[in-house]
C-alpha atoms as a PDB file:
ATOM      1  CA  MET A   1       5.906  26.845  -6.069  1.00  0.00           C
ATOM      2  CA  PRO A   2       5.231  23.834  -3.606  1.00  0.00           C
ATOM      3  CA  SER A   3       7.408  24.354  -0.511  1.00  0.00           C
ATOM      4  CA  PRO A   4       7.999  21.321   2.883  1.00  0.00           C
ATOM      5  CA  HIS A   5       5.663  22.777   5.871  1.00  0.00           C
ATOM      6  CA  THR A   6       5.790  21.096   9.347  1.00  0.00           C
ATOM      7  CA  PRO A   7       2.611  19.569  10.238  1.00  0.00           C
ATOM      8  CA  SER A   8       1.390  18.446  13.523  1.00  0.00           C
ATOM      9  CA  VAL A   9       3.176  14.736  13.974  1.00  0.00           C
ATOM     10  CA  THR A  10       2.806  12.276  16.970  1.00  0.00           C
ATOM     11  CA  GLU A  11       5.714   9.474  16.522  1.00  0.00           C
ATOM     12  CA  PHE A  12       4.906   6.051  18.009  1.00  0.00           C
ATOM     13  CA  ARG A  13       8.422   4.467  18.193  1.00  0.00           C
ATOM     14  CA  LEU A  14       8.743   0.673  18.996  1.00  0.00           C
ATOM     15  CA  THR A  15      10.948  -1.133  21.132  1.00  0.00           C
ATOM     16  CA  ASP A  16      12.557  -3.046  18.499  1.00  0.00           C
ATOM     17  CA  GLU A  17      14.408  -0.031  16.134  1.00  0.00           C
ATOM     18  CA  LYS A  18      15.119  -2.751  13.059  1.00  0.00           C
ATOM     19  CA  ALA A  19      11.786  -4.166  13.701  1.00  0.00           C
ATOM     20  CA  GLY A  20      11.145  -2.346  10.173  1.00  0.00           C
ATOM     21  CA  PRO A  21       7.304  -1.283  10.106  1.00  0.00           C
ATOM     22  CA  TYR A  22       6.158  -1.916   6.885  1.00  0.00           C
ATOM     23  CA  GLY A  23       2.543  -2.116   5.487  1.00  0.00           C
ATOM     24  CA  ILE A  24      -0.144  -0.411   7.725  1.00  0.00           C
ATOM     25  CA  THR A  25      -4.250  -0.202   7.543  1.00  0.00           C
ATOM     26  CA  ALA A  26      -7.039   1.122   9.471  1.00  0.00           C
ATOM     27  CA  GLY A  27      -8.842  -2.115  11.295  1.00  0.00           C
ATOM     28  CA  PRO A  28     -12.386  -2.797  11.880  1.00  0.00           C
ATOM     29  CA  ASP A  29     -11.721  -2.471  15.469  1.00  0.00           C
ATOM     30  CA  GLY A  30     -10.493   1.532  15.564  1.00  0.00           C
ATOM     31  CA  ALA A  31      -6.779   0.563  15.723  1.00  0.00           C
ATOM     32  CA  LEU A  32      -3.752   0.264  13.285  1.00  0.00           C
ATOM     33  CA  TRP A  33      -2.635  -2.449  11.866  1.00  0.00           C
ATOM     34  CA  LEU A  34       0.978  -3.139  10.321  1.00  0.00           C
ATOM     35  CA  THR A  35       3.278  -5.505   9.314  1.00  0.00           C
ATOM     36  CA  LEU A  36       6.884  -5.781  10.756  1.00  0.00           C
ATOM     37  CA  VAL A  37       8.664  -6.964   7.617  1.00  0.00           C
ATOM     38  CA  HIS A  38      11.980  -7.768   9.694  1.00  0.00           C
ATOM     39  CA  ARG A  39      10.399  -9.218  12.853  1.00  0.00           C
ATOM     40  CA  GLY A  40       8.221 -11.920  10.807  1.00  0.00           C
ATOM     41  CA  SER A  41       5.043 -10.579  13.100  1.00  0.00           C
ATOM     42  CA  VAL A  42       1.751  -8.316  12.848  1.00  0.00           C
ATOM     43  CA  ALA A  43       0.845  -5.225  15.208  1.00  0.00           C
ATOM     44  CA  ARG A  44      -1.610  -3.326  16.456  1.00  0.00           C
ATOM     45  CA  LEU A  45      -1.673   0.075  17.517  1.00  0.00           C
ATOM     46  CA  THR A  46      -4.158   2.019  19.357  1.00  0.00           C
ATOM     47  CA  LEU A  47      -4.871   5.805  18.800  1.00  0.00           C
ATOM     48  CA  ASP A  48      -3.136   6.790  22.193  1.00  0.00           C
ATOM     49  CA  GLY A  49      -0.436   4.646  21.190  1.00  0.00           C
ATOM     50  CA  ALA A  50      -0.579   0.981  23.109  1.00  0.00           C
ATOM     51  CA  PHE A  51       1.122  -1.706  20.902  1.00  0.00           C
ATOM     52  CA  GLN A  52       0.288  -5.508  21.115  1.00  0.00           C
ATOM     53  CA  GLU A  53       2.620  -7.296  18.498  1.00  0.00           C
ATOM     54  CA  TYR A  54       1.669 -11.203  17.255  1.00  0.00           C
ATOM     55  CA  ALA A  55       4.312 -13.475  16.047  1.00  0.00           C
ATOM     56  CA  LEU A  56       4.176 -15.630  12.719  1.00  0.00           C
ATOM     57  CA  ASP A  57       4.902 -18.897  12.340  1.00  0.00           C
ATOM     58  CA  ALA A  58       7.908 -18.226  10.179  1.00  0.00           C
ATOM     59  CA  PRO A  59      10.593 -15.542  11.464  1.00  0.00           C
ATOM     60  CA  ASP A  60      11.507 -14.961   7.840  1.00  0.00           C
ATOM     61  CA  CYS A  61       8.733 -14.824   6.239  1.00  0.00           C
ATOM     62  CA  ARG A  62       8.535 -10.979   5.497  1.00  0.00           C
ATOM     63  CA  PRO A  63       5.174 -10.115   6.061  1.00  0.00           C
ATOM     64  CA  THR A  64       4.646  -7.012   3.529  1.00  0.00           C
ATOM     65  CA  VAL A  65       1.265  -5.417   2.436  1.00  0.00           C
ATOM     66  CA  ILE A  66      -2.041  -5.731   4.856  1.00  0.00           C
ATOM     67  CA  ALA A  67      -5.588  -4.643   4.514  1.00  0.00           C
ATOM     68  CA  ALA A  68      -8.945  -5.074   6.280  1.00  0.00           C
ATOM     69  CA  GLY A  69     -10.916  -8.039   4.867  1.00  0.00           C
ATOM     70  CA  PRO A  70     -14.416  -8.030   4.562  1.00  0.00           C
ATOM     71  CA  ASP A  71     -15.046 -10.945   7.287  1.00  0.00           C
ATOM     72  CA  GLY A  72     -13.821  -8.391  10.158  1.00  0.00           C
ATOM     73  CA  ALA A  73      -9.707  -9.785   9.743  1.00  0.00           C
ATOM     74  CA  LEU A  74      -6.728  -8.392   8.568  1.00  0.00           C
ATOM     75  CA  TRP A  75      -5.158  -9.982   5.990  1.00  0.00           C
ATOM     76  CA  PHE A  76      -1.290  -9.641   4.336  1.00  0.00           C
ATOM     77  CA  THR A  77       1.145 -10.966   2.240  1.00  0.00           C
ATOM     78  CA  ARG A  78       4.041 -13.213   3.014  1.00  0.00           C
ATOM     79  CA  LEU A  79       6.533 -12.171   0.603  1.00  0.00           C
ATOM     80  CA  GLN A  80       9.054 -14.756   1.541  1.00  0.00           C
ATOM     81  CA  ASP A  81       7.478 -17.585   1.782  1.00  0.00           C
ATOM     82  CA  HIS A  82       4.866 -17.165  -0.812  1.00  0.00           C
ATOM     83  CA  ARG A  83       1.598 -17.264   1.426  1.00  0.00           C
ATOM     84  CA  ILE A  84      -1.190 -15.183   2.184  1.00  0.00           C
ATOM     85  CA  GLY A  85      -1.537 -14.413   5.966  1.00  0.00           C
ATOM     86  CA  ARG A  86      -4.779 -13.614   8.140  1.00  0.00           C
ATOM     87  CA  VAL A  87      -5.169 -12.442  11.855  1.00  0.00           C
ATOM     88  CA  THR A  88      -8.098 -11.626  13.562  1.00  0.00           C
ATOM     89  CA  VAL A  89      -8.988  -8.679  15.970  1.00  0.00           C
ATOM     90  CA  ASP A  90      -7.879 -11.225  18.921  1.00  0.00           C
ATOM     91  CA  GLY A  91      -4.623 -11.912  17.496  1.00  0.00           C
ATOM     92  CA  GLU A  92      -5.354 -15.301  16.144  1.00  0.00           C
ATOM     93  CA  VAL A  93      -2.979 -15.855  13.060  1.00  0.00           C
ATOM     94  CA  THR A  94      -3.093 -18.162  10.105  1.00  0.00           C
ATOM     95  CA  SER A  95      -2.037 -18.594   6.689  1.00  0.00           C
ATOM     96  CA  PHE A  96      -2.996 -20.166   3.296  1.00  0.00           C
ATOM     97  CA  ALA A  97       0.051 -21.439   0.804  1.00  0.00           C
ATOM     98  CA  LEU A  98      -0.305 -20.463  -3.100  1.00  0.00           C
ATOM     99  CA  PRO A  99      -1.073 -23.169  -5.469  1.00  0.00           C
ATOM    100  CA  SER A 100       1.529 -21.609  -7.353  1.00  0.00           C
ATOM    101  CA  SER A 101       5.403 -21.667  -6.042  1.00  0.00           C
ATOM    102  CA  GLY A 102       7.864 -18.511  -6.249  1.00  0.00           C
ATOM    103  CA  GLY A 103       4.509 -16.240  -6.526  1.00  0.00           C
ATOM    104  CA  GLY A 104       6.335 -13.393  -4.444  1.00  0.00           C
ATOM    105  CA  PRO A 105       2.712 -11.361  -3.256  1.00  0.00           C
ATOM    106  CA  TYR A 106       3.170  -8.391  -2.119  1.00  0.00           C
ATOM    107  CA  GLY A 107      -0.413  -6.084  -2.696  1.00  0.00           C
ATOM    108  CA  ILE A 108      -3.238  -7.105  -1.358  1.00  0.00           C
ATOM    109  CA  THR A 109      -6.836  -5.188  -1.130  1.00  0.00           C
ATOM    110  CA  ALA A 110     -10.863  -6.336  -0.476  1.00  0.00           C
ATOM    111  CA  GLY A 111     -12.544  -6.736  -3.644  1.00  0.00           C
ATOM    112  CA  PRO A 112     -15.567  -5.977  -4.974  1.00  0.00           C
ATOM    113  CA  ASP A 113     -16.883  -9.612  -4.445  1.00  0.00           C
ATOM    114  CA  GLY A 114     -16.398 -10.375  -1.073  1.00  0.00           C
ATOM    115  CA  ALA A 115     -12.749 -11.636  -1.429  1.00  0.00           C
ATOM    116  CA  LEU A 116      -9.409 -10.403  -0.946  1.00  0.00           C
ATOM    117  CA  TRP A 117      -7.148  -9.911  -4.404  1.00  0.00           C
ATOM    118  CA  PHE A 118      -3.498  -9.885  -4.468  1.00  0.00           C
ATOM    119  CA  THR A 119      -0.207  -9.230  -6.873  1.00  0.00           C
ATOM    120  CA  GLU A 120       2.455 -11.906  -7.318  1.00  0.00           C
ATOM    121  CA  THR A 121       5.491  -9.930  -8.299  1.00  0.00           C
ATOM    122  CA  THR A 122       7.637 -12.620  -9.286  1.00  0.00           C
ATOM    123  CA  GLY A 123       4.581 -15.192 -10.949  1.00  0.00           C
ATOM    124  CA  ASP A 124       3.289 -12.478 -13.429  1.00  0.00           C
ATOM    125  CA  ARG A 125       0.033 -13.027 -11.682  1.00  0.00           C
ATOM    126  CA  ILE A 126      -3.190 -11.703  -9.459  1.00  0.00           C
ATOM    127  CA  GLY A 127      -4.529 -14.045  -7.098  1.00  0.00           C
ATOM    128  CA  ARG A 128      -8.213 -14.224  -5.480  1.00  0.00           C
ATOM    129  CA  ILE A 129      -8.404 -16.020  -2.008  1.00  0.00           C
ATOM    130  CA  SER A 130     -11.582 -16.366  -0.430  1.00  0.00           C
ATOM    131  CA  VAL A 131     -12.341 -15.808   3.327  1.00  0.00           C
ATOM    132  CA  ASP A 132     -12.172 -19.926   3.753  1.00  0.00           C
ATOM    133  CA  GLY A 133      -8.351 -19.939   2.274  1.00  0.00           C
ATOM    134  CA  GLU A 134      -9.740 -20.724  -1.292  1.00  0.00           C
ATOM    135  CA  VAL A 135      -7.363 -19.073  -4.129  1.00  0.00           C
ATOM    136  CA  THR A 136      -7.350 -18.799  -7.868  1.00  0.00           C
ATOM    137  CA  GLU A 137      -4.648 -17.168  -9.769  1.00  0.00           C
ATOM    138  CA  PHE A 138      -4.703 -15.250 -12.955  1.00  0.00           C
ATOM    139  CA  ALA A 139      -2.141 -15.201 -15.260  1.00  0.00           C
ATOM    140  CA  LEU A 140      -1.158 -11.830 -17.033  1.00  0.00           C
ATOM    141  CA  PRO A 141      -0.044 -10.939 -20.301  1.00  0.00           C
ATOM    142  CA  VAL A 142       3.049  -9.091 -19.519  1.00  0.00           C
ATOM    143  CA  ALA A 143       6.435 -11.023 -18.597  1.00  0.00           C
ATOM    144  CA  GLY A 144       8.313  -9.244 -15.920  1.00  0.00           C
ATOM    145  CA  GLY A 145       5.600  -7.037 -15.255  1.00  0.00           C
ATOM    146  CA  PHE A 146       6.393  -7.274 -11.525  1.00  0.00           C
ATOM    147  CA  PRO A 147       2.823  -6.880 -10.696  1.00  0.00           C
ATOM    148  CA  SER A 148       3.129  -4.532  -7.369  1.00  0.00           C
ATOM    149  CA  ALA A 149       0.225  -2.817  -5.132  1.00  0.00           C
ATOM    150  CA  ILE A 150      -3.102  -3.496  -6.063  1.00  0.00           C
ATOM    151  CA  THR A 151      -6.493  -1.463  -5.180  1.00  0.00           C
ATOM    152  CA  THR A 152     -10.363  -1.987  -6.151  1.00  0.00           C
ATOM    153  CA  GLY A 153     -11.277   0.809  -8.528  1.00  0.00           C
ATOM    154  CA  PRO A 154     -14.896   3.061  -8.438  1.00  0.00           C
ATOM    155  CA  ASP A 155     -15.613   0.761 -11.607  1.00  0.00           C
ATOM    156  CA  GLY A 156     -15.825  -2.504  -9.983  1.00  0.00           C
ATOM    157  CA  ALA A 157     -12.425  -3.646 -11.103  1.00  0.00           C
ATOM    158  CA  LEU A 158      -9.242  -4.561  -9.694  1.00  0.00           C
ATOM    159  CA  TRP A 159      -6.491  -2.097 -10.425  1.00  0.00           C
ATOM    160  CA  PHE A 160      -2.508  -2.765  -9.694  1.00  0.00           C
ATOM    161  CA  THR A 161       0.722  -1.053 -10.862  1.00  0.00           C
ATOM    162  CA  LEU A 162       2.835  -3.228 -13.347  1.00  0.00           C
ATOM    163  CA  ASN A 163       6.841  -2.113 -12.232  1.00  0.00           C
ATOM    164  CA  GLY A 164       8.736  -3.971 -13.898  1.00  0.00           C
ATOM    165  CA  ALA A 165       6.500  -3.033 -17.552  1.00  0.00           C
ATOM    166  CA  ASN A 166       5.939   0.605 -16.432  1.00  0.00           C
ATOM    167  CA  ALA A 167       2.102   0.502 -16.717  1.00  0.00           C
ATOM    168  CA  ILE A 168      -1.097   0.846 -14.909  1.00  0.00           C
ATOM    169  CA  GLY A 169      -3.321  -2.809 -15.220  1.00  0.00           C
ATOM    170  CA  ARG A 170      -6.735  -3.486 -14.803  1.00  0.00           C
ATOM    171  CA  LEU A 171      -8.585  -6.973 -14.014  1.00  0.00           C
ATOM    172  CA  THR A 172     -12.578  -7.941 -13.838  1.00  0.00           C
ATOM    173  CA  PRO A 173     -13.177  -9.929 -10.768  1.00  0.00           C
ATOM    174  CA  ASP A 174     -13.950 -12.241 -14.450  1.00  0.00           C
ATOM    175  CA  GLY A 175     -10.991 -12.160 -15.331  1.00  0.00           C
ATOM    176  CA  ASP A 176     -10.546  -9.759 -18.755  1.00  0.00           C
ATOM    177  CA  THR A 177      -7.159  -7.992 -18.343  1.00  0.00           C
ATOM    178  CA  ALA A 178      -6.252  -4.966 -19.816  1.00  0.00           C
ATOM    179  CA  VAL A 179      -2.646  -2.989 -19.260  1.00  0.00           C
ATOM    180  CA  HIS A 180      -2.162   0.854 -20.101  1.00  0.00           C
ATOM    181  CA  PRO A 181       1.264   2.192 -20.686  1.00  0.00           C
ATOM    182  CA  LEU A 182       2.589   5.130 -18.570  1.00  0.00           C
ATOM    183  CA  PRO A 183       3.713   7.905 -20.721  1.00  0.00           C
ATOM    184  CA  THR A 184       6.758   8.661 -18.876  1.00  0.00           C
ATOM    185  CA  GLU A 185       9.585   5.995 -19.639  1.00  0.00           C
ATOM    186  CA  ALA A 186      10.763   3.690 -16.764  1.00  0.00           C
ATOM    187  CA  ALA A 187       8.691   5.896 -14.508  1.00  0.00           C
ATOM    188  CA  GLY A 188       8.350   2.607 -11.715  1.00  0.00           C
ATOM    189  CA  PRO A 189       4.739   2.533 -10.501  1.00  0.00           C
ATOM    190  CA  VAL A 190       4.556   1.119  -7.244  1.00  0.00           C
ATOM    191  CA  GLY A 191       1.574   2.487  -5.030  1.00  0.00           C
ATOM    192  CA  ILE A 192      -1.767   2.509  -6.175  1.00  0.00           C
ATOM    193  CA  ALA A 193      -5.368   3.855  -4.778  1.00  0.00           C
ATOM    194  CA  ALA A 194      -8.813   4.706  -5.530  1.00  0.00           C
ATOM    195  CA  ASP A 195     -10.513   7.627  -4.798  1.00  0.00           C
ATOM    196  CA  GLY A 196     -14.243   7.308  -6.138  1.00  0.00           C
ATOM    197  CA  ARG A 197     -13.933   8.440  -9.601  1.00  0.00           C
ATOM    198  CA  ALA A 198     -10.116   7.371 -10.809  1.00  0.00           C
ATOM    199  CA  LEU A 199      -6.995   5.933  -9.590  1.00  0.00           C
ATOM    200  CA  TRP A 200      -3.734   7.528  -8.020  1.00  0.00           C
ATOM    201  CA  PHE A 201      -0.200   5.810  -8.186  1.00  0.00           C
ATOM    202  CA  ALA A 202       3.345   6.617  -7.540  1.00  0.00           C
ATOM    203  CA  GLU A 203       6.141   6.137  -9.631  1.00  0.00           C
ATOM    204  CA  ILE A 204       8.839   6.020  -7.670  1.00  0.00           C
ATOM    205  CA  SER A 205      11.435   6.084 -10.236  1.00  0.00           C
ATOM    206  CA  ALA A 206      10.656   9.208 -12.182  1.00  0.00           C
ATOM    207  CA  GLY A 207       9.439  11.623  -8.751  1.00  0.00           C
ATOM    208  CA  ARG A 208       6.022  11.735 -10.315  1.00  0.00           C
ATOM    209  CA  ILE A 209       2.319  10.999  -8.888  1.00  0.00           C
ATOM    210  CA  GLY A 210       0.283   9.881 -12.026  1.00  0.00           C
ATOM    211  CA  ARG A 211      -4.068   9.708 -12.160  1.00  0.00           C
ATOM    212  CA  ILE A 212      -6.025   7.192 -14.204  1.00  0.00           C
ATOM    213  CA  SER A 213      -9.464   7.709 -15.096  1.00  0.00           C
ATOM    214  CA  VAL A 214     -11.606   4.285 -15.690  1.00  0.00           C
ATOM    215  CA  ASP A 215     -11.461   4.575 -19.492  1.00  0.00           C
ATOM    216  CA  GLY A 216      -7.500   4.633 -19.474  1.00  0.00           C
ATOM    217  CA  ARG A 217      -6.729   8.646 -19.260  1.00  0.00           C
ATOM    218  CA  ILE A 218      -3.365   9.282 -17.762  1.00  0.00           C
ATOM    219  CA  THR A 219      -2.001  12.550 -15.846  1.00  0.00           C
ATOM    220  CA  GLU A 220       1.081  13.430 -14.204  1.00  0.00           C
ATOM    221  CA  PHE A 221       2.030  15.598 -11.559  1.00  0.00           C
ATOM    222  CA  PRO A 222       6.136  16.059 -10.849  1.00  0.00           C
ATOM    223  CA  LEU A 223       7.429  16.506  -7.059  1.00  0.00           C
ATOM    224  CA  PRO A 224       9.657  19.207  -6.443  1.00  0.00           C
ATOM    225  CA  ASP A 225      12.318  16.774  -6.015  1.00  0.00           C
ATOM    226  CA  ARG A 226      12.575  14.241  -8.828  1.00  0.00           C
ATOM    227  CA  SER A 227      14.631  12.215  -6.091  1.00  0.00           C
ATOM    228  CA  ALA A 228      11.688  11.999  -3.652  1.00  0.00           C
ATOM    229  CA  GLY A 229      10.636   8.345  -4.136  1.00  0.00           C
ATOM    230  CA  PRO A 230       6.951   8.576  -3.791  1.00  0.00           C
ATOM    231  CA  HIS A 231       6.197   4.982  -2.726  1.00  0.00           C
ATOM    232  CA  ALA A 232       3.037   4.405  -1.261  1.00  0.00           C
ATOM    233  CA  VAL A 233      -0.445   6.020  -1.723  1.00  0.00           C
ATOM    234  CA  VAL A 234      -4.056   6.735  -0.095  1.00  0.00           C
ATOM    235  CA  ALA A 235      -6.900   8.711  -1.281  1.00  0.00           C
ATOM    236  CA  ALA A 236      -8.885  10.545   1.237  1.00  0.00           C
ATOM    237  CA  ALA A 237     -12.332  11.401   1.031  1.00  0.00           C
ATOM    238  CA  ASP A 238     -12.339  14.982   0.009  1.00  0.00           C
ATOM    239  CA  GLY A 239     -10.637  13.841  -3.447  1.00  0.00           C
ATOM    240  CA  GLU A 240      -6.742  14.564  -2.499  1.00  0.00           C
ATOM    241  CA  CYS A 241      -3.780  11.907  -2.480  1.00  0.00           C
ATOM    242  CA  TRP A 242      -1.841  11.796   0.499  1.00  0.00           C
ATOM    243  CA  PHE A 243       1.266   9.614  -0.200  1.00  0.00           C
ATOM    244  CA  THR A 244       4.919   8.630   1.566  1.00  0.00           C
ATOM    245  CA  GLN A 245       8.422   9.875   0.106  1.00  0.00           C
ATOM    246  CA  TRP A 246      11.086   7.256   0.320  1.00  0.00           C
ATOM    247  CA  GLY A 247      14.159   9.743  -0.376  1.00  0.00           C
ATOM    248  CA  THR A 248      13.369  12.798   1.542  1.00  0.00           C
ATOM    249  CA  GLY A 249      11.520  11.985   4.821  1.00  0.00           C
ATOM    250  CA  ARG A 250       8.080  13.512   3.896  1.00  0.00           C
ATOM    251  CA  VAL A 251       4.625  12.687   3.196  1.00  0.00           C
ATOM    252  CA  GLY A 252       3.316  14.739   0.522  1.00  0.00           C
ATOM    253  CA  ARG A 253      -0.581  15.681  -1.053  1.00  0.00           C
ATOM    254  CA  VAL A 254      -2.315  16.590  -4.057  1.00  0.00           C
ATOM    255  CA  THR A 255      -5.079  17.853  -5.239  1.00  0.00           C
ATOM    256  CA  GLU A 256      -6.752  17.003  -8.668  1.00  0.00           C
ATOM    257  CA  ASP A 257      -5.528  20.281  -9.662  1.00  0.00           C
ATOM    258  CA  GLY A 258      -1.913  18.924  -9.086  1.00  0.00           C
ATOM    259  CA  GLU A 259      -1.295  21.431  -6.304  1.00  0.00           C
ATOM    260  CA  ILE A 260       1.299  19.656  -4.172  1.00  0.00           C
ATOM    261  CA  THR A 261       1.979  20.051  -0.575  1.00  0.00           C
ATOM    262  CA  GLU A 262       5.005  18.511   1.550  1.00  0.00           C
ATOM    263  CA  TYR A 263       5.217  17.963   5.121  1.00  0.00           C
ATOM    264  CA  ALA A 264       8.912  17.064   6.951  1.00  0.00           C
ATOM    265  CA  LEU A 265       9.223  14.630   9.253  1.00  0.00           C
ATOM    266  CA  PRO A 266      10.792  14.880  12.091  1.00  0.00           C
ATOM    267  CA  ASP A 267      13.306  12.579  11.177  1.00  0.00           C
ATOM    268  CA  PRO A 268      14.598  12.907   7.599  1.00  0.00           C
ATOM    269  CA  SER A 269      15.987   9.324   7.453  1.00  0.00           C
ATOM    270  CA  SER A 270      12.659   8.164   8.671  1.00  0.00           C
ATOM    271  CA  GLU A 271      12.178   6.558   5.061  1.00  0.00           C
ATOM    272  CA  PRO A 272       8.260   6.185   5.713  1.00  0.00           C
ATOM    273  CA  HIS A 273       6.763   3.248   3.537  1.00  0.00           C
ATOM    274  CA  GLY A 274       2.828   2.175   3.666  1.00  0.00           C
ATOM    275  CA  ILE A 275      -0.259   5.134   4.363  1.00  0.00           C
ATOM    276  CA  THR A 276      -3.401   4.768   5.435  1.00  0.00           C
ATOM    277  CA  VAL A 277      -6.082   7.591   6.637  1.00  0.00           C
ATOM    278  CA  GLY A 278      -7.039   6.237  10.206  1.00  0.00           C
ATOM    279  CA  PRO A 279      -9.926   5.727  12.383  1.00  0.00           C
ATOM    280  CA  ASP A 280      -9.655   9.336  13.564  1.00  0.00           C
ATOM    281  CA  GLY A 281      -9.005  10.780  10.146  1.00  0.00           C
ATOM    282  CA  ALA A 282      -5.468  11.670  10.699  1.00  0.00           C
ATOM    283  CA  LEU A 283      -2.541  10.045   8.070  1.00  0.00           C
ATOM    284  CA  TRP A 284      -0.371   7.387   9.649  1.00  0.00           C
ATOM    285  CA  THR A 285       2.422   5.857   8.196  1.00  0.00           C
ATOM    286  CA  ALA A 286       5.039   2.967   8.756  1.00  0.00           C
ATOM    287  CA  LEU A 287       8.332   4.090   9.224  1.00  0.00           C
ATOM    288  CA  GLU A 288      11.395   1.884   8.401  1.00  0.00           C
ATOM    289  CA  THR A 289      13.523   3.625  11.902  1.00  0.00           C
ATOM    290  CA  GLY A 290      11.131   1.794  13.750  1.00  0.00           C
ATOM    291  CA  GLY A 291       7.930   3.585  14.371  1.00  0.00           C
ATOM    292  CA  VAL A 292       4.694   4.760  13.346  1.00  0.00           C
ATOM    293  CA  ALA A 293       3.860   8.815  12.454  1.00  0.00           C
ATOM    294  CA  GLN A 294       0.495  10.076  12.830  1.00  0.00           C
ATOM    295  CA  VAL A 295       0.188  13.329  10.556  1.00  0.00           C
ATOM    296  CA  GLU A 296      -2.547  15.744  11.168  1.00  0.00           C
ATOM    297  CA  ARG A 297      -4.524  16.788   8.045  1.00  0.00           C
ATOM    298  CA  SER A 298      -5.114  20.196   8.790  1.00  0.00           C
ATOM    299  CA  LEU A 299      -3.372  22.412   6.167  1.00  0.00           C
ATOM    300  CA  PRO A 300      -0.847  25.387   6.883  1.00  0.00           C
END
């Protein structure tokens, strides 16, 4: 039976504990970049803990998910004011409005075509934005699907979670769409990541981690605590999947064979959100309680 362990964890606390760290990604400059959803800003964190914050033009825009772009900048979604943001490693910030109103952009990823792709949670659309800011939108064949996280798959298509439709979606850069329903009802898929062969995803409402092959075969791995609230996932180079748990203040690891290991963070109420593999090979996760945790990947 899987059991929680205590990994080597280093926490970096922010001055403002109510800043709301949410999304996090490794930047091209060897630092971590994150969104501060309650402060309306993005931030840069070096591996030794130096922190620099960059304010956005709308404090209540709710910057959410952030990803490294093909142009050497960081791109992020602005959930509240329906814009896509861009910040250079020098801190120059710009943003781009969506052509359709009320889209609610959330997930974002670098695509296979040199552009950024993002989900529109309230618009039932997947969007594409070029590095020059040109936006194209693709309507999905589901209503109320609540597309959430998105990633580029090993097959060169875009894969995304449909939280409201309880399914995983696939979209080619040309606009062809497929929808794969999940075997577990009301599973609530959220985060998704590719590992080179397949896609991993989190089922926040069912307490499971799922894996889907590029031809649509789905495997689900239940967590020991079904109320753990798995949220964000990241695939490591060795094929394992790491994920955050909203409900237990832990990060977890699952192998392709379904072996699950959980790691308790020092504060069980920390509510880890986004997770990424850092330039140092460790796992880094943004903590709702106002910090960032570095979790070493060495296993017990």
